[in-house]
Amino acid sequence: MKSSPIKLKQKLSPMAAKKKAARDLAYANGPYKKKRAENQRERRKKSAAFLKGKDYDHTTKSFVSVKTNRGGHGKGTKK
């Protein structure tokens, strides 16, 4: 059995930590909030076994492999 990597907390000064928290919150509530909510709704409809290794693709409105989705369907991720 593989052990999962331990996530270490970043060593930030108190001021830097506050700024990072503000940036993270702004990003989480930004333009991708609707896509994240759509992804969660669709994942709840499927079984856990089906979803293993798959991401929701907002373009095709279906679940595809992580590799395909994050690779831009073989076309790359930059225009």
Protein backbone atom coordinates (compact mmCIF):
# COMPACT_ATOMS: atom_id res chain seq x y z
CA MET A 1 0.00 0.00 0.00
CA LYS A 2 1.35 3.42 -0.93
CA SER A 3 1.57 6.06 1.74
CA SER A 4 0.21 9.46 0.87
CA PRO A 5 2.62 12.38 0.90
CA ILE A 6 2.42 14.51 4.01
CA LYS A 7 1.27 18.04 3.31
CA LEU A 8 3.36 20.52 5.20
CA LYS A 9 2.02 23.92 6.10
CA GLN A 10 3.78 26.80 4.38
CA LYS A 11 6.08 28.78 6.63
CA LEU A 12 4.65 32.26 6.16
CA SER A 13 4.87 35.35 8.28
CA PRO A 14 1.57 36.40 9.86
CA MET A 15 1.16 39.26 7.35
CA ALA A 16 1.93 37.00 4.37
CA ALA A 17 -0.49 34.36 5.70
CA LYS A 18 -3.30 36.94 5.89
CA LYS A 19 -2.61 38.13 2.34
CA LYS A 20 -2.53 34.54 1.06
CA ALA A 21 -5.81 33.75 2.81
CA ALA A 22 -7.41 36.78 1.13
CA ARG A 23 -6.06 35.75 -2.30
CA ASP A 24 -7.22 32.16 -1.84
CA LEU A 25 -10.71 33.28 -0.82
CA ALA A 26 -10.97 35.68 -3.76
CA TYR A 27 -9.95 32.90 -6.16
CA ALA A 28 -12.39 30.40 -4.61
CA ASN A 29 -15.26 32.88 -4.98
CA GLY A 30 -14.20 34.05 -8.44
CA PRO A 31 -15.48 33.17 -11.91
CA TYR A 32 -14.91 29.40 -11.49
CA LYS A 33 -17.34 29.15 -8.57
CA LYS A 34 -20.24 28.18 -10.87
CA LYS A 35 -18.18 25.48 -12.59
CA ARG A 36 -17.12 24.04 -9.24
CA ALA A 37 -20.74 23.93 -8.09
CA GLU A 38 -21.81 22.26 -11.36
CA ASN A 39 -19.04 19.67 -10.94
CA GLN A 40 -20.18 18.86 -7.39
CA ARG A 41 -23.84 18.50 -8.44
CA GLU A 42 -22.96 16.12 -11.27
CA ARG A 43 -20.61 14.03 -9.10
CA ARG A 44 -23.38 13.48 -6.53
CA LYS A 45 -25.52 11.83 -9.23
CA LYS A 46 -22.94 9.11 -10.04
CA SER A 47 -21.52 6.19 -8.08
CA ALA A 48 -18.08 6.48 -6.48
CA ALA A 49 -16.73 3.50 -8.46
CA PHE A 50 -17.66 5.13 -11.77
CA LEU A 51 -16.00 8.44 -10.84
CA LYS A 52 -12.59 7.03 -9.91
CA GLY A 53 -9.98 8.76 -12.10
CA LYS A 54 -12.50 10.98 -13.86
CA ASP A 55 -13.14 14.71 -14.00
CA TYR A 56 -16.28 16.50 -15.11
CA ASP A 57 -15.73 18.19 -18.48
CA HIS A 58 -17.78 21.38 -18.74
CA THR A 59 -17.32 21.49 -22.53
CA THR A 60 -18.77 18.06 -23.31
CA LYS A 61 -20.98 17.97 -20.16
CA SER A 62 -19.73 14.49 -19.31
CA PHE A 63 -17.13 12.69 -17.21
CA VAL A 64 -13.82 12.01 -18.94
CA SER A 65 -10.42 10.81 -17.74
CA VAL A 66 -8.31 13.30 -15.84
CA LYS A 67 -5.59 12.99 -18.49
CA THR A 68 -7.97 13.89 -21.31
CA ASN A 69 -9.69 16.72 -19.48
CA ARG A 70 -6.58 18.48 -18.22
CA GLY A 71 -4.72 17.96 -21.49
CA GLY A 72 -7.31 19.87 -23.51
CA HIS A 73 -8.58 16.76 -25.33
CA GLY A 74 -5.23 16.31 -27.13
CA LYS A 75 -5.09 19.91 -28.36
CA GLY A 76 -3.09 21.30 -25.43
CA THR A 77 -4.25 23.92 -23.00
CA LYS A 78 -3.07 27.06 -24.78
CA LYS A 79 -4.62 28.65 -27.85
